[in-house]
C-alpha atoms as a PDB file:
ATOM      1  CA  MET A   1     207.662  -2.449  28.598  1.00  0.00           C
ATOM      2  CA  ASN A   2     206.063  -2.104  25.194  1.00  0.00           C
ATOM      3  CA  LEU A   3     207.646  -0.489  22.145  1.00  0.00           C
ATOM      4  CA  ARG A   4     205.787   2.814  22.473  1.00  0.00           C
ATOM      5  CA  THR A   5     206.908   3.288  26.083  1.00  0.00           C
ATOM      6  CA  ARG A   6     210.528   2.430  25.247  1.00  0.00           C
ATOM      7  CA  ILE A   7     210.575   4.958  22.410  1.00  0.00           C
ATOM      8  CA  LEU A   8     209.070   7.686  24.626  1.00  0.00           C
ATOM      9  CA  VAL A   9     211.610   7.017  27.401  1.00  0.00           C
ATOM     10  CA  PHE A  10     214.492   6.978  24.896  1.00  0.00           C
ATOM     11  CA  GLY A  11     213.271  10.237  23.342  1.00  0.00           C
ATOM     12  CA  GLY A  12     212.933  11.866  26.758  1.00  0.00           C
ATOM     13  CA  VAL A  13     216.441  10.856  27.820  1.00  0.00           C
ATOM     14  CA  LEU A  14     217.903  11.912  24.471  1.00  0.00           C
ATOM     15  CA  GLY A  15     216.073  15.253  24.667  1.00  0.00           C
ATOM     16  CA  ALA A  16     217.378  15.846  28.192  1.00  0.00           C
ATOM     17  CA  PHE A  17     220.971  15.180  27.091  1.00  0.00           C
ATOM     18  CA  LEU A  18     220.582  17.445  24.077  1.00  0.00           C
ATOM     19  CA  GLY A  19     219.096  20.185  26.254  1.00  0.00           C
ATOM     20  CA  VAL A  20     221.909  20.008  28.799  1.00  0.00           C
ATOM     21  CA  GLY A  21     224.474  19.993  25.983  1.00  0.00           C
ATOM     22  CA  ALA A  22     222.891  23.034  24.367  1.00  0.00           C
ATOM     23  CA  ALA A  23     222.812  24.884  27.699  1.00  0.00           C
ATOM     24  CA  TYR A  24     226.473  24.037  28.308  1.00  0.00           C
ATOM     25  CA  LEU A  25     227.491  25.324  24.877  1.00  0.00           C
ATOM     26  CA  TYR A  26     225.421  28.477  25.374  1.00  0.00           C
ATOM     27  CA  LEU A  27     227.085  29.181  28.726  1.00  0.00           C
ATOM     28  CA  ARG A  28     230.555  28.619  27.248  1.00  0.00           C
ATOM     29  CA  SER A  29     229.945  31.075  24.408  1.00  0.00           C
ATOM     30  CA  THR A  30     228.145  33.817  26.357  1.00  0.00           C
ATOM     31  CA  PRO A  31     229.921  36.234  28.703  1.00  0.00           C
ATOM     32  CA  ILE A  32     228.430  36.272  32.197  1.00  0.00           C
ATOM     33  CA  GLU A  33     227.923  39.781  33.551  1.00  0.00           C
ATOM     34  CA  ILE A  34     228.061  40.838  37.211  1.00  0.00           C
ATOM     35  CA  ASP A  35     225.525  43.428  38.332  1.00  0.00           C
ATOM     36  CA  GLY A  36     226.001  46.038  41.063  1.00  0.00           C
ATOM     37  CA  GLU A  37     224.945  43.627  43.818  1.00  0.00           C
ATOM     38  CA  GLY A  38     227.391  40.919  42.705  1.00  0.00           C
ATOM     39  CA  ASN A  39     224.791  38.656  41.089  1.00  0.00           C
ATOM     40  CA  GLU A  40     225.616  36.850  37.861  1.00  0.00           C
ATOM     41  CA  GLN A  41     223.430  37.650  34.854  1.00  0.00           C
ATOM     42  CA  LEU A  42     223.337  36.553  31.251  1.00  0.00           C
ATOM     43  CA  PRO A  43     222.885  39.195  28.562  1.00  0.00           C
ATOM     44  CA  GLU A  44     219.411  39.532  27.095  1.00  0.00           C
ATOM     45  CA  VAL A  45     218.560  37.279  24.173  1.00  0.00           C
ATOM     46  CA  GLN A  46     217.565  39.301  21.126  1.00  0.00           C
ATOM     47  CA  PRO A  47     214.078  38.508  19.766  1.00  0.00           C
ATOM     48  CA  MET A  48     215.429  37.774  16.280  1.00  0.00           C
ATOM     49  CA  ASP A  49     217.875  35.226  17.707  1.00  0.00           C
ATOM     50  CA  ALA A  50     215.055  33.551  19.656  1.00  0.00           C
ATOM     51  CA  ILE A  51     212.970  33.332  16.467  1.00  0.00           C
ATOM     52  CA  LYS A  52     215.890  31.779  14.558  1.00  0.00           C
ATOM     53  CA  VAL A  53     216.399  29.125  17.236  1.00  0.00           C
ATOM     54  CA  SER A  54     212.664  28.388  17.407  1.00  0.00           C
ATOM     55  CA  LEU A  55     212.439  27.928  13.652  1.00  0.00           C
ATOM     56  CA  GLY A  56     215.475  25.649  13.718  1.00  0.00           C
ATOM     57  CA  VAL A  57     213.910  23.467  16.415  1.00  0.00           C
ATOM     58  CA  LEU A  58     210.605  23.332  14.541  1.00  0.00           C
ATOM     59  CA  SER A  59     212.425  22.331  11.348  1.00  0.00           C
ATOM     60  CA  ALA A  60     214.204  19.520  13.193  1.00  0.00           C
ATOM     61  CA  VAL A  61     210.933  18.251  14.667  1.00  0.00           C
ATOM     62  CA  ARG A  62     209.283  18.428  11.259  1.00  0.00           C
ATOM     63  CA  GLY A  63     212.151  16.379   9.803  1.00  0.00           C
ATOM     64  CA  ILE A  64     211.756  13.748  12.515  1.00  0.00           C
ATOM     65  CA  VAL A  65     208.002  13.523  11.904  1.00  0.00           C
ATOM     66  CA  GLY A  66     208.692  13.247   8.182  1.00  0.00           C
ATOM     67  CA  LEU A  67     210.821  10.126   8.765  1.00  0.00           C
ATOM     68  CA  SER A  68     207.728   8.102   9.603  1.00  0.00           C
ATOM     69  CA  GLN A  69     205.853   9.286   6.511  1.00  0.00           C
ATOM     70  CA  ARG A  70     208.568   8.477   3.957  1.00  0.00           C
ATOM     71  CA  GLY A  71     208.354   4.754   4.498  1.00  0.00           C
ATOM     72  CA  SER A  72     204.634   4.574   3.689  1.00  0.00           C
END
Protein backbone atom coordinates (compact mmCIF):
# COMPACT_ATOMS: atom_id res chain seq x y z
CA MET A 1 0.00 0.00 0.00
CA ASN A 2 1.54 3.29 -1.04
CA LEU A 3 1.64 6.46 1.06
CA ARG A 4 -1.26 8.16 -0.72
CA THR A 5 -3.58 5.19 -0.16
CA ARG A 6 -2.60 4.91 3.52
CA ILE A 7 -3.31 8.60 4.09
CA LEU A 8 -6.71 8.36 2.35
CA VAL A 9 -7.70 5.29 4.40
CA PHE A 10 -6.52 6.95 7.64
CA GLY A 11 -8.45 10.13 6.78
CA GLY A 12 -11.59 8.14 5.97
CA VAL A 13 -11.45 6.19 9.24
CA LEU A 14 -10.71 9.34 11.24
CA GLY A 15 -13.57 11.17 9.51
CA ALA A 16 -15.96 8.31 10.27
CA PHE A 17 -15.01 8.35 13.97
CA LEU A 18 -15.38 12.12 14.13
CA GLY A 19 -18.77 11.92 12.42
CA VAL A 20 -20.07 9.26 14.79
CA GLY A 21 -18.74 11.24 17.76
CA ALA A 22 -20.44 14.41 16.55
CA ALA A 23 -23.73 12.56 16.02
CA TYR A 24 -23.50 11.06 19.51
CA LEU A 25 -22.90 14.47 21.09
CA TYR A 26 -25.74 15.98 19.08
CA LEU A 27 -28.16 13.27 20.22
CA ARG A 28 -27.09 13.70 23.86
CA SER A 29 -27.71 17.46 23.78
CA THR A 30 -30.96 17.50 21.79
CA PRO A 31 -34.33 16.50 23.26
CA ILE A 32 -36.08 13.79 21.25
CA GLU A 33 -39.75 14.54 20.66
CA ILE A 34 -42.55 11.97 20.26
CA ASP A 35 -45.21 12.74 17.67
CA GLY A 36 -48.87 11.71 17.80
CA GLU A 37 -48.17 8.31 16.25
CA GLY A 38 -45.41 7.48 18.74
CA ASN A 39 -42.50 8.07 16.35
CA GLU A 40 -39.34 9.74 17.61
CA GLN A 41 -38.37 13.02 15.95
CA LEU A 42 -35.57 15.50 16.38
CA PRO A 43 -36.43 19.20 16.44
CA GLU A 44 -35.78 21.14 13.25
CA VAL A 45 -32.31 22.57 12.79
CA GLN A 46 -32.42 26.33 12.35
CA PRO A 47 -30.86 27.59 9.09
CA MET A 48 -28.51 29.95 10.94
CA ASP A 49 -27.19 27.07 13.05
CA ALA A 50 -26.61 24.98 9.91
CA ILE A 51 -24.68 27.88 8.34
CA LYS A 52 -22.52 28.25 11.46
CA VAL A 53 -21.65 24.54 11.46
CA SER A 54 -20.91 24.58 7.72
CA LEU A 55 -18.58 27.55 8.07
CA GLY A 56 -16.82 25.86 10.98
CA VAL A 57 -16.25 22.69 8.94
CA LEU A 58 -15.00 24.70 5.96
CA SER A 59 -12.60 26.61 8.22
CA ALA A 60 -11.23 23.33 9.60
CA VAL A 61 -10.74 21.93 6.10
CA ARG A 62 -9.05 25.14 5.00
CA GLY A 63 -6.70 24.88 7.99
CA ILE A 64 -5.82 21.30 7.09
CA VAL A 65 -5.11 22.26 3.47
CA GLY A 66 -3.00 25.16 4.72
CA LEU A 67 -0.74 22.74 6.63
CA SER A 68 0.72 21.45 3.38
CA GLN A 69 1.40 24.95 2.05
CA ARG A 70 3.26 26.28 5.10
CA GLY A 71 6.18 23.94 4.68
CA SER A 72 6.94 25.09 1.13
